[in-house]
């Protein structure tokens, strides 16, 4: 049985020309930016699944940080037992 190990999983969600156009219109009218929300949520779901396949986490945190040009970096970090 392996000991506890720190882990980090990071992905960048970049801009998309078509999504940007539709979300720009929604933003102009003060509506929710559901296209961006869906892309971030889908990526986050994929990353959490990857974490569960690789580790038995004791604890984990999620960090979402904006980057330049409208991209965001999503990081999941924590401590857990690595699944062999």
PDB file of N, CA and C in Angstrom:
ATOM      1  N   UNK A   1       0.849  -1.185   0.000  1.00  0.00           N
ATOM      2  CA  UNK A   1       0.000   0.000   0.000  1.00  0.00           C
ATOM      3  C   UNK A   1       0.888   1.240   0.000  1.00  0.00           C
ATOM      4  N   UNK A   2       0.700   2.087  -0.963  1.00  0.00           N
ATOM      5  CA  UNK A   2       1.521   3.297  -1.110  1.00  0.00           C
ATOM      6  C   UNK A   2       1.083   4.365  -0.110  1.00  0.00           C
ATOM      7  N   UNK A   3       2.027   5.258   0.221  1.00  0.00           N
ATOM      8  CA  UNK A   3       1.724   6.351   1.136  1.00  0.00           C
ATOM      9  C   UNK A   3       1.043   7.515   0.438  1.00  0.00           C
ATOM     10  N   UNK A   4       0.774   8.535   1.206  1.00  0.00           N
ATOM     11  CA  UNK A   4       0.142   9.733   0.658  1.00  0.00           C
ATOM     12  C   UNK A   4       1.114  10.480  -0.243  1.00  0.00           C
ATOM     13  N   UNK A   5       0.557  11.104  -1.268  1.00  0.00           N
ATOM     14  CA  UNK A   5       1.359  11.808  -2.251  1.00  0.00           C
ATOM     15  C   UNK A   5       0.625  13.086  -2.649  1.00  0.00           C
ATOM     16  N   UNK A   6       1.372  14.187  -2.794  1.00  0.00           N
ATOM     17  CA  UNK A   6       0.782  15.419  -3.325  1.00  0.00           C
ATOM     18  C   UNK A   6       0.552  15.238  -4.820  1.00  0.00           C
ATOM     19  N   UNK A   7      -0.562  15.771  -5.326  1.00  0.00           N
ATOM     20  CA  UNK A   7      -0.819  15.694  -6.760  1.00  0.00           C
ATOM     21  C   UNK A   7      -1.362  17.021  -7.278  1.00  0.00           C
ATOM     22  N   UNK A   8      -1.150  17.238  -8.562  1.00  0.00           N
ATOM     23  CA  UNK A   8      -1.664  18.420  -9.261  1.00  0.00           C
ATOM     24  C   UNK A   8      -2.077  17.999 -10.668  1.00  0.00           C
ATOM     25  N   UNK A   9      -3.263  18.408 -11.073  1.00  0.00           N
ATOM     26  CA  UNK A   9      -3.756  18.186 -12.436  1.00  0.00           C
ATOM     27  C   UNK A   9      -4.174  19.550 -12.962  1.00  0.00           C
ATOM     28  N   UNK A  10      -3.629  19.949 -14.113  1.00  0.00           N
ATOM     29  CA  UNK A  10      -3.898  21.280 -14.668  1.00  0.00           C
ATOM     30  C   UNK A  10      -4.323  21.173 -16.130  1.00  0.00           C
ATOM     31  N   UNK A  11      -5.307  21.974 -16.513  1.00  0.00           N
ATOM     32  CA  UNK A  11      -5.711  22.109 -17.922  1.00  0.00           C
ATOM     33  C   UNK A  11      -6.043  23.567 -18.187  1.00  0.00           C
ATOM     34  N   UNK A  12      -5.836  23.977 -19.425  1.00  0.00           N
ATOM     35  CA  UNK A  12      -6.175  25.330 -19.858  1.00  0.00           C
ATOM     36  C   UNK A  12      -7.349  25.241 -20.822  1.00  0.00           C
ATOM     37  N   UNK A  13      -8.377  26.034 -20.553  1.00  0.00           N
ATOM     38  CA  UNK A  13      -9.533  26.135 -21.452  1.00  0.00           C
ATOM     39  C   UNK A  13      -9.338  27.421 -22.238  1.00  0.00           C
ATOM     40  N   UNK A  14      -9.162  27.272 -23.550  1.00  0.00           N
ATOM     41  CA  UNK A  14      -8.874  28.445 -24.376  1.00  0.00           C
ATOM     42  C   UNK A  14     -10.135  28.984 -25.037  1.00  0.00           C
ATOM     43  N   UNK A  15      -9.976  30.115 -25.641  1.00  0.00           N
ATOM     44  CA  UNK A  15     -11.094  30.764 -26.322  1.00  0.00           C
ATOM     45  C   UNK A  15     -11.445  30.013 -27.593  1.00  0.00           C
ATOM     46  N   UNK A  16     -12.666  30.250 -28.061  1.00  0.00           N
ATOM     47  CA  UNK A  16     -13.178  29.648 -29.278  1.00  0.00           C
ATOM     48  C   UNK A  16     -13.911  30.744 -30.036  1.00  0.00           C
ATOM     49  N   UNK A  17     -13.585  30.938 -31.298  1.00  0.00           N
ATOM     50  CA  UNK A  17     -14.126  32.052 -32.086  1.00  0.00           C
ATOM     51  C   UNK A  17     -15.651  32.025 -32.137  1.00  0.00           C
ATOM     52  N   UNK A  18     -16.230  30.877 -32.424  1.00  0.00           N
ATOM     53  CA  UNK A  18     -17.688  30.777 -32.546  1.00  0.00           C
ATOM     54  C   UNK A  18     -18.368  31.021 -31.198  1.00  0.00           C
ATOM     55  N   UNK A  19     -17.843  30.377 -30.152  1.00  0.00           N
ATOM     56  CA  UNK A  19     -18.409  30.575 -28.811  1.00  0.00           C
ATOM     57  C   UNK A  19     -18.282  32.038 -28.397  1.00  0.00           C
ATOM     58  N   UNK A  20     -17.125  32.653 -28.682  1.00  0.00           N
ATOM     59  CA  UNK A  20     -16.906  34.059 -28.321  1.00  0.00           C
ATOM     60  C   UNK A  20     -17.946  34.967 -28.955  1.00  0.00           C
ATOM     61  N   UNK A  21     -18.295  34.704 -30.200  1.00  0.00           N
ATOM     62  CA  UNK A  21     -19.255  35.558 -30.906  1.00  0.00           C
ATOM     63  C   UNK A  21     -20.621  35.494 -30.222  1.00  0.00           C
ATOM     64  N   UNK A  22     -21.111  34.262 -29.971  1.00  0.00           N
ATOM     65  CA  UNK A  22     -22.415  34.102 -29.322  1.00  0.00           C
ATOM     66  C   UNK A  22     -22.399  34.636 -27.895  1.00  0.00           C
ATOM     67  N   UNK A  23     -21.318  34.382 -27.167  1.00  0.00           N
ATOM     68  CA  UNK A  23     -21.252  34.833 -25.783  1.00  0.00           C
ATOM     69  C   UNK A  23     -21.110  36.355 -25.718  1.00  0.00           C
ATOM     70  N   UNK A  24     -20.486  36.953 -26.721  1.00  0.00           N
ATOM     71  CA  UNK A  24     -20.404  38.415 -26.796  1.00  0.00           C
ATOM     72  C   UNK A  24     -21.788  39.038 -26.894  1.00  0.00           C
ATOM     73  N   UNK A  25     -22.661  38.432 -27.693  1.00  0.00           N
ATOM     74  CA  UNK A  25     -24.046  38.910 -27.802  1.00  0.00           C
ATOM     75  C   UNK A  25     -24.781  38.751 -26.471  1.00  0.00           C
ATOM     76  N   UNK A  26     -24.622  37.592 -25.852  1.00  0.00           N
ATOM     77  CA  UNK A  26     -25.287  37.347 -24.565  1.00  0.00           C
ATOM     78  C   UNK A  26     -24.794  38.351 -23.518  1.00  0.00           C
ATOM     79  N   UNK A  27     -23.485  38.620 -23.523  1.00  0.00           N
ATOM     80  CA  UNK A  27     -22.906  39.565 -22.574  1.00  0.00           C
ATOM     81  C   UNK A  27     -23.448  40.975 -22.812  1.00  0.00           C
ATOM     82  N   UNK A  28     -23.600  41.356 -24.083  1.00  0.00           N
ATOM     83  CA  UNK A  28     -24.131  42.675 -24.437  1.00  0.00           C
ATOM     84  C   UNK A  28     -25.515  42.892 -23.824  1.00  0.00           C
ATOM     85  N   UNK A  29     -26.332  41.825 -23.811  1.00  0.00           N
ATOM     86  CA  UNK A  29     -27.686  41.925 -23.271  1.00  0.00           C
ATOM     87  C   UNK A  29     -27.765  41.557 -21.788  1.00  0.00           C
ATOM     88  N   UNK A  30     -26.620  41.361 -21.144  1.00  0.00           N
ATOM     89  CA  UNK A  30     -26.591  41.085 -19.710  1.00  0.00           C
ATOM     90  C   UNK A  30     -27.039  39.684 -19.331  1.00  0.00           C
ATOM     91  N   UNK A  31     -26.923  38.755 -20.258  1.00  0.00           N
ATOM     92  CA  UNK A  31     -27.351  37.378 -20.004  1.00  0.00           C
ATOM     93  C   UNK A  31     -26.187  36.548 -19.471  1.00  0.00           C
ATOM     94  N   UNK A  32     -26.514  35.390 -18.898  1.00  0.00           N
ATOM     95  CA  UNK A  32     -25.474  34.470 -18.440  1.00  0.00           C
ATOM     96  C   UNK A  32     -24.681  33.951 -19.627  1.00  0.00           C
ATOM     97  N   UNK A  33     -23.416  33.707 -19.418  1.00  0.00           N
ATOM     98  CA  UNK A  33     -22.534  33.213 -20.482  1.00  0.00           C
ATOM     99  C   UNK A  33     -22.476  31.687 -20.405  1.00  0.00           C
ATOM    100  N   UNK A  34     -23.579  31.069 -20.764  1.00  0.00           N
ATOM    101  CA  UNK A  34     -23.734  29.622 -20.610  1.00  0.00           C
ATOM    102  C   UNK A  34     -22.743  28.820 -21.447  1.00  0.00           C
ATOM    103  N   UNK A  35     -22.336  29.316 -22.592  1.00  0.00           N
ATOM    104  CA  UNK A  35     -21.354  28.603 -23.415  1.00  0.00           C
ATOM    105  C   UNK A  35     -20.032  28.451 -22.691  1.00  0.00           C
ATOM    106  N   UNK A  36     -19.586  29.526 -22.044  1.00  0.00           N
ATOM    107  CA  UNK A  36     -18.350  29.468 -21.268  1.00  0.00           C
ATOM    108  C   UNK A  36     -18.527  28.588 -20.042  1.00  0.00           C
ATOM    109  N   UNK A  37     -19.670  28.703 -19.378  1.00  0.00           N
ATOM    110  CA  UNK A  37     -19.937  27.889 -18.199  1.00  0.00           C
ATOM    111  C   UNK A  37     -19.883  26.405 -18.545  1.00  0.00           C
ATOM    112  N   UNK A  38     -20.477  26.034 -19.675  1.00  0.00           N
ATOM    113  CA  UNK A  38     -20.494  24.632 -20.091  1.00  0.00           C
ATOM    114  C   UNK A  38     -19.083  24.129 -20.373  1.00  0.00           C
ATOM    115  N   UNK A  39     -18.275  24.920 -21.080  1.00  0.00           N
ATOM    116  CA  UNK A  39     -16.904  24.494 -21.392  1.00  0.00           C
ATOM    117  C   UNK A  39     -16.091  24.285 -20.125  1.00  0.00           C
ATOM    118  N   UNK A  40     -16.225  25.186 -19.166  1.00  0.00           N
ATOM    119  CA  UNK A  40     -15.482  25.059 -17.907  1.00  0.00           C
ATOM    120  C   UNK A  40     -15.993  23.862 -17.106  1.00  0.00           C
ATOM    121  N   UNK A  41     -17.309  23.702 -17.009  1.00  0.00           N
ATOM    122  CA  UNK A  41     -17.874  22.572 -16.267  1.00  0.00           C
ATOM    123  C   UNK A  41     -17.510  21.228 -16.887  1.00  0.00           C
ATOM    124  N   UNK A  42     -17.535  21.126 -18.224  1.00  0.00           N
ATOM    125  CA  UNK A  42     -17.163  19.880 -18.899  1.00  0.00           C
ATOM    126  C   UNK A  42     -15.702  19.535 -18.629  1.00  0.00           C
ATOM    127  N   UNK A  43     -14.825  20.539 -18.698  1.00  0.00           N
ATOM    128  CA  UNK A  43     -13.405  20.313 -18.431  1.00  0.00           C
ATOM    129  C   UNK A  43     -13.194  19.903 -16.982  1.00  0.00           C
ATOM    130  N   UNK A  44     -13.872  20.559 -16.066  1.00  0.00           N
ATOM    131  CA  UNK A  44     -13.751  20.240 -14.655  1.00  0.00           C
ATOM    132  C   UNK A  44     -14.222  18.807 -14.373  1.00  0.00           C
ATOM    133  N   UNK A  45     -15.327  18.413 -14.979  1.00  0.00           N
ATOM    134  CA  UNK A  45     -15.842  17.045 -14.804  1.00  0.00           C
ATOM    135  C   UNK A  45     -14.812  16.017 -15.294  1.00  0.00           C
ATOM    136  N   UNK A  46     -14.193  16.291 -16.449  1.00  0.00           N
ATOM    137  CA  UNK A  46     -13.173  15.397 -17.007  1.00  0.00           C
ATOM    138  C   UNK A  46     -11.962  15.308 -16.066  1.00  0.00           C
ATOM    139  N   UNK A  47     -11.542  16.431 -15.518  1.00  0.00           N
ATOM    140  CA  UNK A  47     -10.390  16.455 -14.619  1.00  0.00           C
ATOM    141  C   UNK A  47     -10.677  15.711 -13.317  1.00  0.00           C
ATOM    142  N   UNK A  48     -11.877  15.868 -12.762  1.00  0.00           N
ATOM    143  CA  UNK A  48     -12.241  15.157 -11.543  1.00  0.00           C
ATOM    144  C   UNK A  48     -12.271  13.647 -11.780  1.00  0.00           C
ATOM    145  N   UNK A  49     -12.737  13.231 -12.940  1.00  0.00           N
ATOM    146  CA  UNK A  49     -12.734  11.811 -13.290  1.00  0.00           C
ATOM    147  C   UNK A  49     -11.297  11.292 -13.391  1.00  0.00           C
ATOM    148  N   UNK A  50     -10.419  12.072 -14.014  1.00  0.00           N
ATOM    149  CA  UNK A  50      -9.005  11.694 -14.103  1.00  0.00           C
ATOM    150  C   UNK A  50      -8.404  11.552 -12.703  1.00  0.00           C
ATOM    151  N   UNK A  51      -8.725  12.488 -11.809  1.00  0.00           N
ATOM    152  CA  UNK A  51      -8.218  12.430 -10.442  1.00  0.00           C
ATOM    153  C   UNK A  51      -8.678  11.142  -9.759  1.00  0.00           C
ATOM    154  N   UNK A  52      -9.955  10.794  -9.903  1.00  0.00           N
ATOM    155  CA  UNK A  52     -10.494   9.602  -9.248  1.00  0.00           C
ATOM    156  C   UNK A  52      -9.891   8.309  -9.800  1.00  0.00           C
ATOM    157  N   UNK A  53      -9.489   8.335 -11.084  1.00  0.00           N
ATOM    158  CA  UNK A  53      -8.864   7.157 -11.678  1.00  0.00           C
ATOM    159  C   UNK A  53      -7.416   6.987 -11.235  1.00  0.00           C
ATOM    160  N   UNK A  54      -6.748   8.092 -10.895  1.00  0.00           N
ATOM    161  CA  UNK A  54      -5.321   8.045 -10.541  1.00  0.00           C
ATOM    162  C   UNK A  54      -5.042   8.060  -9.044  1.00  0.00           C
ATOM    163  N   UNK A  55      -5.975   8.618  -8.237  1.00  0.00           N
ATOM    164  CA  UNK A  55      -5.732   8.804  -6.804  1.00  0.00           C
ATOM    165  C   UNK A  55      -6.979   8.498  -5.984  1.00  0.00           C
ATOM    166  N   UNK A  56      -6.729   8.155  -4.729  1.00  0.00           N
ATOM    167  CA  UNK A  56      -7.783   8.122  -3.720  1.00  0.00           C
ATOM    168  C   UNK A  56      -7.530   9.353  -2.855  1.00  0.00           C
ATOM    169  N   UNK A  57      -8.152  10.461  -3.189  1.00  0.00           N
ATOM    170  CA  UNK A  57      -7.795  11.713  -2.507  1.00  0.00           C
ATOM    171  C   UNK A  57      -8.239  11.753  -1.045  1.00  0.00           C
ATOM    172  N   UNK A  58      -7.331  12.207  -0.202  1.00  0.00           N
ATOM    173  CA  UNK A  58      -7.665  12.494   1.189  1.00  0.00           C
ATOM    174  C   UNK A  58      -8.380  13.844   1.230  1.00  0.00           C
ATOM    175  N   UNK A  59      -7.866  14.779   0.430  1.00  0.00           N
ATOM    176  CA  UNK A  59      -8.485  16.083   0.261  1.00  0.00           C
ATOM    177  C   UNK A  59      -8.063  16.633  -1.102  1.00  0.00           C
ATOM    178  N   UNK A  60      -8.863  17.543  -1.643  1.00  0.00           N
ATOM    179  CA  UNK A  60      -8.484  18.225  -2.889  1.00  0.00           C
ATOM    180  C   UNK A  60      -9.137  19.603  -2.939  1.00  0.00           C
ATOM    181  N   UNK A  61      -8.536  20.465  -3.717  1.00  0.00           N
ATOM    182  CA  UNK A  61      -9.038  21.819  -3.941  1.00  0.00           C
ATOM    183  C   UNK A  61      -9.057  22.078  -5.451  1.00  0.00           C
ATOM    184  N   UNK A  62      -9.915  23.005  -5.852  1.00  0.00           N
ATOM    185  CA  UNK A  62     -10.030  23.398  -7.256  1.00  0.00           C
ATOM    186  C   UNK A  62      -9.739  24.886  -7.348  1.00  0.00           C
ATOM    187  N   UNK A  63      -8.881  25.250  -8.292  1.00  0.00           N
ATOM    188  CA  UNK A  63      -8.535  26.650  -8.520  1.00  0.00           C
ATOM    189  C   UNK A  63      -8.774  26.971  -9.993  1.00  0.00           C
ATOM    190  N   UNK A  64      -9.516  28.049 -10.256  1.00  0.00           N
ATOM    191  CA  UNK A  64      -9.766  28.499 -11.629  1.00  0.00           C
ATOM    192  C   UNK A  64      -9.244  29.920 -11.737  1.00  0.00           C
ATOM    193  N   UNK A  65      -8.231  30.118 -12.591  1.00  0.00           N
ATOM    194  CA  UNK A  65      -7.578  31.425 -12.725  1.00  0.00           C
ATOM    195  C   UNK A  65      -7.636  31.920 -14.160  1.00  0.00           C
ATOM    196  N   UNK A  66      -7.966  33.196 -14.354  1.00  0.00           N
ATOM    197  CA  UNK A  66      -7.971  33.753 -15.709  1.00  0.00           C
ATOM    198  C   UNK A  66      -6.553  33.908 -16.241  1.00  0.00           C
ATOM    199  N   UNK A  67      -6.399  33.694 -17.533  1.00  0.00           N
ATOM    200  CA  UNK A  67      -5.144  33.939 -18.234  1.00  0.00           C
ATOM    201  C   UNK A  67      -5.374  35.054 -19.243  1.00  0.00           C
ATOM    202  N   UNK A  68      -4.369  35.414 -19.984  1.00  0.00           N
ATOM    203  CA  UNK A  68      -4.533  36.445 -21.003  1.00  0.00           C
ATOM    204  C   UNK A  68      -5.424  35.939 -22.134  1.00  0.00           C
ATOM    205  N   UNK A  69      -5.993  36.833 -22.874  1.00  0.00           N
ATOM    206  CA  UNK A  69      -6.822  36.539 -24.052  1.00  0.00           C
ATOM    207  C   UNK A  69      -8.060  35.708 -23.746  1.00  0.00           C
ATOM    208  N   UNK A  70      -8.584  35.784 -22.533  1.00  0.00           N
ATOM    209  CA  UNK A  70      -9.842  35.131 -22.217  1.00  0.00           C
ATOM    210  C   UNK A  70      -9.766  33.652 -21.878  1.00  0.00           C
ATOM    211  N   UNK A  71      -8.587  33.077 -21.795  1.00  0.00           N
ATOM    212  CA  UNK A  71      -8.452  31.678 -21.410  1.00  0.00           C
ATOM    213  C   UNK A  71      -8.463  31.562 -19.889  1.00  0.00           C
ATOM    214  N   UNK A  72      -8.752  30.352 -19.400  1.00  0.00           N
ATOM    215  CA  UNK A  72      -8.678  30.108 -17.969  1.00  0.00           C
ATOM    216  C   UNK A  72      -7.862  28.848 -17.715  1.00  0.00           C
ATOM    217  N   UNK A  73      -7.159  28.833 -16.582  1.00  0.00           N
ATOM    218  CA  UNK A  73      -6.397  27.669 -16.165  1.00  0.00           C
ATOM    219  C   UNK A  73      -7.121  27.044 -14.977  1.00  0.00           C
ATOM    220  N   UNK A  74      -7.428  25.752 -15.099  1.00  0.00           N
ATOM    221  CA  UNK A  74      -8.092  25.021 -14.041  1.00  0.00           C
ATOM    222  C   UNK A  74      -7.070  24.067 -13.430  1.00  0.00           C
ATOM    223  N   UNK A  75      -6.931  24.123 -12.108  1.00  0.00           N
ATOM    224  CA  UNK A  75      -5.993  23.256 -11.401  1.00  0.00           C
ATOM    225  C   UNK A  75      -6.723  22.545 -10.272  1.00  0.00           C
ATOM    226  N   UNK A  76      -6.529  21.235 -10.210  1.00  0.00           N
ATOM    227  CA  UNK A  76      -6.991  20.441  -9.077  1.00  0.00           C
ATOM    228  C   UNK A  76      -5.734  19.960  -8.368  1.00  0.00           C
ATOM    229  N   UNK A  77      -5.655  20.235  -7.077  1.00  0.00           N
ATOM    230  CA  UNK A  77      -4.483  19.809  -6.327  1.00  0.00           C
ATOM    231  C   UNK A  77      -4.940  19.246  -4.989  1.00  0.00           C
ATOM    232  N   UNK A  78      -4.091  18.413  -4.410  1.00  0.00           N
ATOM    233  CA  UNK A  78      -4.445  17.839  -3.122  1.00  0.00           C
ATOM    234  C   UNK A  78      -3.445  16.803  -2.692  1.00  0.00           C
ATOM    235  N   UNK A  79      -3.926  15.911  -1.841  1.00  0.00           N
ATOM    236  CA  UNK A  79      -3.092  14.838  -1.316  1.00  0.00           C
ATOM    237  C   UNK A  79      -3.922  13.572  -1.324  1.00  0.00           C
ATOM    238  N   UNK A  80      -3.302  12.486  -1.756  1.00  0.00           N
ATOM    239  CA  UNK A  80      -4.027  11.231  -1.789  1.00  0.00           C
ATOM    240  C   UNK A  80      -3.116  10.075  -2.078  1.00  0.00           C
ATOM    241  N   UNK A  81      -3.692   8.906  -2.017  1.00  0.00           N
ATOM    242  CA  UNK A  81      -2.962   7.674  -2.289  1.00  0.00           C
ATOM    243  C   UNK A  81      -3.043   7.395  -3.790  1.00  0.00           C
ATOM    244  N   UNK A  82      -1.903   7.160  -4.408  1.00  0.00           N
ATOM    245  CA  UNK A  82      -1.863   6.870  -5.847  1.00  0.00           C
ATOM    246  C   UNK A  82      -2.376   5.458  -6.090  1.00  0.00           C
ATOM    247  N   UNK A  83      -3.260   5.298  -7.079  1.00  0.00           N
ATOM    248  CA  UNK A  83      -3.789   3.986  -7.452  1.00  0.00           C
ATOM    249  C   UNK A  83      -2.821   3.363  -8.443  1.00  0.00           C
ATOM    250  N   UNK A  84      -2.402   2.159  -8.140  1.00  0.00           N
ATOM    251  CA  UNK A  84      -1.404   1.491  -9.002  1.00  0.00           C
ATOM    252  C   UNK A  84      -2.044   0.667 -10.054  1.00  0.00           C
TER     253      UNK A  84
END
